[in-house]
PDB file of N, CA and C in Angstrom:
ATOM      1  N   MET A   1       0.843  -1.182   0.000  1.00  0.00           N
ATOM      2  CA  MET A   1       0.000   0.000   0.000  1.00  0.00           C
ATOM      3  C   MET A   1       0.889   1.246   0.000  1.00  0.00           C
ATOM      4  N   ALA A   2       0.536   2.217  -0.796  1.00  0.00           N
ATOM      5  CA  ALA A   2       1.318   3.446  -0.900  1.00  0.00           C
ATOM      6  C   ALA A   2       1.124   4.313   0.344  1.00  0.00           C
ATOM      7  N   THR A   3       2.193   4.952   0.770  1.00  0.00           N
ATOM      8  CA  THR A   3       2.140   5.850   1.910  1.00  0.00           C
ATOM      9  C   THR A   3       1.557   7.181   1.467  1.00  0.00           C
ATOM     10  N   LYS A   4       0.608   7.702   2.243  1.00  0.00           N
ATOM     11  CA  LYS A   4       0.037   9.007   1.929  1.00  0.00           C
ATOM     12  C   LYS A   4       1.036  10.087   2.293  1.00  0.00           C
ATOM     13  N   LYS A   5       1.070  11.130   1.494  1.00  0.00           N
ATOM     14  CA  LYS A   5       1.962  12.259   1.748  1.00  0.00           C
ATOM     15  C   LYS A   5       1.125  13.527   1.803  1.00  0.00           C
ATOM     16  N   TYR A   6       1.546  14.435   2.673  1.00  0.00           N
ATOM     17  CA  TYR A   6       0.833  15.684   2.866  1.00  0.00           C
ATOM     18  C   TYR A   6       1.782  16.857   2.684  1.00  0.00           C
ATOM     19  N   ASN A   7       1.231  17.990   2.278  1.00  0.00           N
ATOM     20  CA  ASN A   7       2.027  19.212   2.111  1.00  0.00           C
ATOM     21  C   ASN A   7       2.315  19.806   3.486  1.00  0.00           C
ATOM     22  N   ALA A   8       3.493  20.368   3.643  1.00  0.00           N
ATOM     23  CA  ALA A   8       3.874  20.997   4.905  1.00  0.00           C
ATOM     24  C   ALA A   8       4.754  22.209   4.622  1.00  0.00           C
ATOM     25  N   ILE A   9       4.776  23.118   5.600  1.00  0.00           N
ATOM     26  CA  ILE A   9       5.648  24.294   5.542  1.00  0.00           C
ATOM     27  C   ILE A   9       6.403  24.358   6.857  1.00  0.00           C
ATOM     28  N   ALA A  10       7.722  24.390   6.795  1.00  0.00           N
ATOM     29  CA  ALA A  10       8.567  24.400   7.996  1.00  0.00           C
ATOM     30  C   ALA A  10       8.377  25.696   8.779  1.00  0.00           C
ATOM     31  N   ARG A  11       8.201  25.580  10.097  1.00  0.00           N
ATOM     32  CA  ARG A  11       8.102  26.752  10.977  1.00  0.00           C
ATOM     33  C   ARG A  11       9.472  27.197  11.457  1.00  0.00           C
ATOM     34  N   GLN A  12      10.452  26.319  11.306  1.00  0.00           N
ATOM     35  CA  GLN A  12      11.826  26.616  11.718  1.00  0.00           C
ATOM     36  C   GLN A  12      12.749  25.749  10.869  1.00  0.00           C
ATOM     37  N   HIS A  13      14.038  25.937  10.982  1.00  0.00           N
ATOM     38  CA  HIS A  13      14.992  25.096  10.259  1.00  0.00           C
ATOM     39  C   HIS A  13      14.921  23.688  10.848  1.00  0.00           C
ATOM     40  N   ILE A  14      14.682  22.710   9.985  1.00  0.00           N
ATOM     41  CA  ILE A  14      14.618  21.319  10.440  1.00  0.00           C
ATOM     42  C   ILE A  14      15.313  20.414   9.425  1.00  0.00           C
ATOM     43  N   LYS A  15      15.603  19.203   9.864  1.00  0.00           N
ATOM     44  CA  LYS A  15      16.118  18.176   8.964  1.00  0.00           C
ATOM     45  C   LYS A  15      15.056  17.081   8.928  1.00  0.00           C
ATOM     46  N   TYR A  16      14.588  16.767   7.730  1.00  0.00           N
ATOM     47  CA  TYR A  16      13.571  15.728   7.565  1.00  0.00           C
ATOM     48  C   TYR A  16      13.919  14.869   6.366  1.00  0.00           C
ATOM     49  N   ASN A  17      13.917  13.593   6.590  1.00  0.00           N
ATOM     50  CA  ASN A  17      14.147  12.623   5.516  1.00  0.00           C
ATOM     51  C   ASN A  17      15.486  12.865   4.803  1.00  0.00           C
ATOM     52  N   GLY A  18      16.488  13.274   5.573  1.00  0.00           N
ATOM     53  CA  GLY A  18      17.822  13.479   5.032  1.00  0.00           C
ATOM     54  C   GLY A  18      18.053  14.825   4.362  1.00  0.00           C
ATOM     55  N   ALA A  19      17.037  15.693   4.364  1.00  0.00           N
ATOM     56  CA  ALA A  19      17.178  17.004   3.729  1.00  0.00           C
ATOM     57  C   ALA A  19      16.944  18.107   4.753  1.00  0.00           C
ATOM     58  N   PHE A  20      17.637  19.217   4.578  1.00  0.00           N
ATOM     59  CA  PHE A  20      17.466  20.364   5.464  1.00  0.00           C
ATOM     60  C   PHE A  20      16.400  21.284   4.894  1.00  0.00           C
ATOM     61  N   MET A  21      15.485  21.721   5.751  1.00  0.00           N
ATOM     62  CA  MET A  21      14.405  22.614   5.356  1.00  0.00           C
ATOM     63  C   MET A  21      14.584  23.947   6.073  1.00  0.00           C
ATOM     64  N   LYS A  22      14.473  25.029   5.323  1.00  0.00           N
ATOM     65  CA  LYS A  22      14.559  26.366   5.909  1.00  0.00           C
ATOM     66  C   LYS A  22      13.164  26.799   6.368  1.00  0.00           C
ATOM     67  N   THR A  23      13.111  27.765   7.259  1.00  0.00           N
ATOM     68  CA  THR A  23      11.838  28.314   7.703  1.00  0.00           C
ATOM     69  C   THR A  23      11.041  28.795   6.492  1.00  0.00           C
ATOM     70  N   GLY A  24       9.785  28.372   6.412  1.00  0.00           N
ATOM     71  CA  GLY A  24       8.919  28.767   5.302  1.00  0.00           C
ATOM     72  C   GLY A  24       9.010  27.881   4.075  1.00  0.00           C
ATOM     73  N   GLU A  25       9.926  26.920   4.067  1.00  0.00           N
ATOM     74  CA  GLU A  25      10.098  26.043   2.905  1.00  0.00           C
ATOM     75  C   GLU A  25       9.000  24.983   2.873  1.00  0.00           C
ATOM     76  N   LYS A  26       8.478  24.717   1.668  1.00  0.00           N
ATOM     77  CA  LYS A  26       7.437  23.708   1.482  1.00  0.00           C
ATOM     78  C   LYS A  26       8.090  22.353   1.232  1.00  0.00           C
ATOM     79  N   PHE A  27       7.471  21.297   1.782  1.00  0.00           N
ATOM     80  CA  PHE A  27       7.953  19.947   1.562  1.00  0.00           C
ATOM     81  C   PHE A  27       6.825  18.956   1.791  1.00  0.00           C
ATOM     82  N   LYS A  28       7.058  17.697   1.467  1.00  0.00           N
ATOM     83  CA  LYS A  28       6.061  16.635   1.624  1.00  0.00           C
ATOM     84  C   LYS A  28       6.376  15.825   2.881  1.00  0.00           C
ATOM     85  N   VAL A  29       5.321  15.452   3.613  1.00  0.00           N
ATOM     86  CA  VAL A  29       5.460  14.694   4.858  1.00  0.00           C
ATOM     87  C   VAL A  29       4.746  13.362   4.710  1.00  0.00           C
ATOM     88  N   ASN A  30       5.396  12.280   5.119  1.00  0.00           N
ATOM     89  CA  ASN A  30       4.759  10.971   5.133  1.00  0.00           C
ATOM     90  C   ASN A  30       3.739  10.922   6.269  1.00  0.00           C
ATOM     91  N   GLU A  31       2.655  10.213   6.040  1.00  0.00           N
ATOM     92  CA  GLU A  31       1.572  10.113   7.026  1.00  0.00           C
ATOM     93  C   GLU A  31       2.082   9.669   8.393  1.00  0.00           C
ATOM     94  N   LYS A  32       3.009   8.744   8.427  1.00  0.00           N
ATOM     95  CA  LYS A  32       3.508   8.212   9.699  1.00  0.00           C
ATOM     96  C   LYS A  32       4.311   9.235  10.509  1.00  0.00           C
ATOM     97  N   ASP A  33       4.763  10.317   9.871  1.00  0.00           N
ATOM     98  CA  ASP A  33       5.596  11.329  10.534  1.00  0.00           C
ATOM     99  C   ASP A  33       4.816  12.567  10.985  1.00  0.00           C
ATOM    100  N   ILE A  34       3.529  12.616  10.713  1.00  0.00           N
ATOM    101  CA  ILE A  34       2.731  13.813  10.997  1.00  0.00           C
ATOM    102  C   ILE A  34       2.779  14.208  12.465  1.00  0.00           C
ATOM    103  N   GLU A  35       2.574  13.259  13.363  1.00  0.00           N
ATOM    104  CA  GLU A  35       2.529  13.587  14.792  1.00  0.00           C
ATOM    105  C   GLU A  35       3.818  14.261  15.262  1.00  0.00           C
ATOM    106  N   GLU A  36       4.952  13.703  14.901  1.00  0.00           N
ATOM    107  CA  GLU A  36       6.242  14.267  15.319  1.00  0.00           C
ATOM    108  C   GLU A  36       6.517  15.611  14.653  1.00  0.00           C
ATOM    109  N   LEU A  37       6.274  15.707  13.352  1.00  0.00           N
ATOM    110  CA  LEU A  37       6.607  16.931  12.621  1.00  0.00           C
ATOM    111  C   LEU A  37       5.632  18.072  12.869  1.00  0.00           C
ATOM    112  N   SER A  38       4.457  17.795  13.405  1.00  0.00           N
ATOM    113  CA  SER A  38       3.491  18.863  13.654  1.00  0.00           C
ATOM    114  C   SER A  38       4.025  19.884  14.667  1.00  0.00           C
ATOM    115  N   LYS A  39       5.053  19.504  15.422  1.00  0.00           N
ATOM    116  CA  LYS A  39       5.691  20.424  16.371  1.00  0.00           C
ATOM    117  C   LYS A  39       6.548  21.458  15.643  1.00  0.00           C
ATOM    118  N   TYR A  40       7.020  21.121  14.453  1.00  0.00           N
ATOM    119  CA  TYR A  40       7.992  21.942  13.744  1.00  0.00           C
ATOM    120  C   TYR A  40       7.519  22.471  12.396  1.00  0.00           C
ATOM    121  N   ALA A  41       6.350  22.017  11.941  1.00  0.00           N
ATOM    122  CA  ALA A  41       5.865  22.423  10.620  1.00  0.00           C
ATOM    123  C   ALA A  41       4.345  22.511  10.617  1.00  0.00           C
ATOM    124  N   ASP A  42       3.815  23.358   9.736  1.00  0.00           N
ATOM    125  CA  ASP A  42       2.376  23.423   9.514  1.00  0.00           C
ATOM    126  C   ASP A  42       2.057  22.401   8.433  1.00  0.00           C
ATOM    127  N   ILE A  43       1.232  21.415   8.775  1.00  0.00           N
ATOM    128  CA  ILE A  43       0.922  20.322   7.859  1.00  0.00           C
ATOM    129  C   ILE A  43      -0.518  20.463   7.381  1.00  0.00           C
ATOM    130  N   GLU A  44      -0.695  20.412   6.079  1.00  0.00           N
ATOM    131  CA  GLU A  44      -2.003  20.553   5.457  1.00  0.00           C
ATOM    132  C   GLU A  44      -2.639  19.167   5.330  1.00  0.00           C
ATOM    133  N   ILE A  45      -3.669  18.920   6.162  1.00  0.00           N
ATOM    134  CA  ILE A  45      -4.364  17.634   6.128  1.00  0.00           C
ATOM    135  C   ILE A  45      -5.774  17.887   5.610  1.00  0.00           C
ATOM    136  N   PRO A  46      -6.133  17.304   4.471  1.00  0.00           N
ATOM    137  CA  PRO A  46      -7.477  17.512   3.921  1.00  0.00           C
ATOM    138  C   PRO A  46      -8.554  17.023   4.887  1.00  0.00           C
ATOM    139  N   LYS A  47      -9.716  17.664   4.874  1.00  0.00           N
ATOM    140  CA  LYS A  47     -10.828  17.313   5.772  1.00  0.00           C
ATOM    141  C   LYS A  47     -11.210  15.842   5.647  1.00  0.00           C
ATOM    142  N   GLU A  48     -11.282  15.293   4.424  1.00  0.00           N
ATOM    143  CA  GLU A  48     -11.692  13.898   4.247  1.00  0.00           C
ATOM    144  C   GLU A  48     -10.705  12.923   4.874  1.00  0.00           C
ATOM    145  N   ALA A  49      -9.452  13.327   5.054  1.00  0.00           N
ATOM    146  CA  ALA A  49      -8.456  12.470   5.689  1.00  0.00           C
ATOM    147  C   ALA A  49      -8.602  12.471   7.207  1.00  0.00           C
ATOM    148  N   GLU A  50      -9.173  13.530   7.770  1.00  0.00           N
ATOM    149  CA  GLU A  50      -9.298  13.651   9.224  1.00  0.00           C
ATOM    150  C   GLU A  50     -10.428  12.803   9.787  1.00  0.00           C
ATOM    151  N   THR A  51     -11.605  12.821   9.136  1.00  0.00           N
ATOM    152  CA  THR A  51     -12.757  12.100   9.661  1.00  0.00           C
ATOM    153  C   THR A  51     -13.351  11.201   8.587  1.00  0.00           C
ATOM    154  N   PRO A  52     -13.305   9.896   8.797  1.00  0.00           N
ATOM    155  CA  PRO A  52     -13.897   8.986   7.814  1.00  0.00           C
ATOM    156  C   PRO A  52     -15.424   9.098   7.857  1.00  0.00           C
ATOM    157  N   PRO A  53     -16.105   8.818   6.763  1.00  0.00           N
ATOM    158  CA  PRO A  53     -17.570   8.896   6.754  1.00  0.00           C
ATOM    159  C   PRO A  53     -18.180   7.876   7.705  1.00  0.00           C
ATOM    160  N   SER A  54     -19.306   8.213   8.326  1.00  0.00           N
ATOM    161  CA  SER A  54     -19.949   7.312   9.276  1.00  0.00           C
ATOM    162  C   SER A  54     -20.615   6.142   8.558  1.00  0.00           C
ATOM    163  N   THR A  55     -21.059   6.367   7.323  1.00  0.00           N
ATOM    164  CA  THR A  55     -21.640   5.300   6.509  1.00  0.00           C
ATOM    165  C   THR A  55     -20.756   5.113   5.286  1.00  0.00           C
ATOM    166  N   PRO A  56     -20.333   3.891   5.014  1.00  0.00           N
ATOM    167  CA  PRO A  56     -19.491   3.671   3.832  1.00  0.00           C
ATOM    168  C   PRO A  56     -20.181   4.164   2.566  1.00  0.00           C
ATOM    169  N   PRO A  57     -19.428   4.591   1.562  1.00  0.00           N
ATOM    170  CA  PRO A  57     -20.012   5.130   0.332  1.00  0.00           C
ATOM    171  C   PRO A  57     -20.983   4.180  -0.360  1.00  0.00           C
ATOM    172  N   ASN A  58     -20.774   2.870  -0.238  1.00  0.00           N
ATOM    173  CA  ASN A  58     -21.674   1.916  -0.884  1.00  0.00           C
ATOM    174  C   ASN A  58     -22.899   1.601  -0.021  1.00  0.00           C
ATOM    175  N   ARG A  59     -23.032   2.271   1.112  1.00  0.00           N
ATOM    176  CA  ARG A  59     -24.175   2.225   2.008  1.00  0.00           C
ATOM    177  C   ARG A  59     -24.402   0.857   2.646  1.00  0.00           C
ATOM    178  N   GLU A  60     -23.381   0.023   2.727  1.00  0.00           N
ATOM    179  CA  GLU A  60     -23.511  -1.292   3.360  1.00  0.00           C
ATOM    180  C   GLU A  60     -23.830  -1.170   4.843  1.00  0.00           C
ATOM    181  N   GLY A  61     -23.367  -0.128   5.482  1.00  0.00           N
ATOM    182  CA  GLY A  61     -23.540   0.044   6.921  1.00  0.00           C
ATOM    183  C   GLY A  61     -24.977   0.242   7.354  1.00  0.00           C
ATOM    184  N   GLU A  62     -25.880   0.634   6.431  1.00  0.00           N
ATOM    185  CA  GLU A  62     -27.262   0.883   6.785  1.00  0.00           C
ATOM    186  C   GLU A  62     -28.017  -0.369   7.192  1.00  0.00           C
ATOM    187  N   LYS A  63     -27.665  -1.530   6.637  1.00  0.00           N
ATOM    188  CA  LYS A  63     -28.384  -2.764   6.921  1.00  0.00           C
ATOM    189  C   LYS A  63     -27.663  -3.666   7.901  1.00  0.00           C
ATOM    190  N   ALA A  64     -26.665  -3.121   8.581  1.00  0.00           N
ATOM    191  CA  ALA A  64     -25.922  -3.919   9.557  1.00  0.00           C
ATOM    192  C   ALA A  64     -26.845  -4.364  10.661  1.00  0.00           C
ATOM    193  N   GLY A  65     -26.811  -5.630  10.991  1.00  0.00           N
ATOM    194  CA  GLY A  65     -27.610  -6.161  12.089  1.00  0.00           C
ATOM    195  C   GLY A  65     -28.970  -6.674  11.654  1.00  0.00           C
ATOM    196  N   THR A  66     -29.336  -6.504  10.391  1.00  0.00           N
ATOM    197  CA  THR A  66     -30.617  -7.039   9.909  1.00  0.00           C
ATOM    198  C   THR A  66     -30.333  -8.159   8.922  1.00  0.00           C
ATOM    199  N   GLU A  67     -31.325  -8.985   8.713  1.00  0.00           N
ATOM    200  CA  GLU A  67     -31.136 -10.078   7.753  1.00  0.00           C
ATOM    201  C   GLU A  67     -31.126  -9.533   6.340  1.00  0.00           C
ATOM    202  N   ALA A  68     -30.307 -10.117   5.501  1.00  0.00           N
ATOM    203  CA  ALA A  68     -30.233  -9.696   4.112  1.00  0.00           C
ATOM    204  C   ALA A  68     -31.550 -10.021   3.402  1.00  0.00           C
ATOM    205  N   GLY A  69     -31.967  -9.171   2.508  1.00  0.00           N
ATOM    206  CA  GLY A  69     -33.171  -9.415   1.727  1.00  0.00           C
ATOM    207  C   GLY A  69     -34.426  -8.868   2.353  1.00  0.00           C
ATOM    208  N   GLU A  70     -34.362  -8.265   3.507  1.00  0.00           N
ATOM    209  CA  GLU A  70     -35.572  -7.711   4.119  1.00  0.00           C
ATOM    210  C   GLU A  70     -35.933  -6.403   3.489  1.00  0.00           C
TER     211      GLU A  70
END
């Protein structure tokens, strides 16, 4: 499975993924690094990535707990 990447802007000089980032520099952040890097960079996380839908798009969740075919 491919790792999701998000846009970020460094709030200070940092080193990430072997590269040095200057204050204000834009770069990509791996999903697994968001928690740690959020201390040092502004990370752009789309709304759909933050909260999954309560009902799956194919609406399978609506009939959960009932017999099929009713």
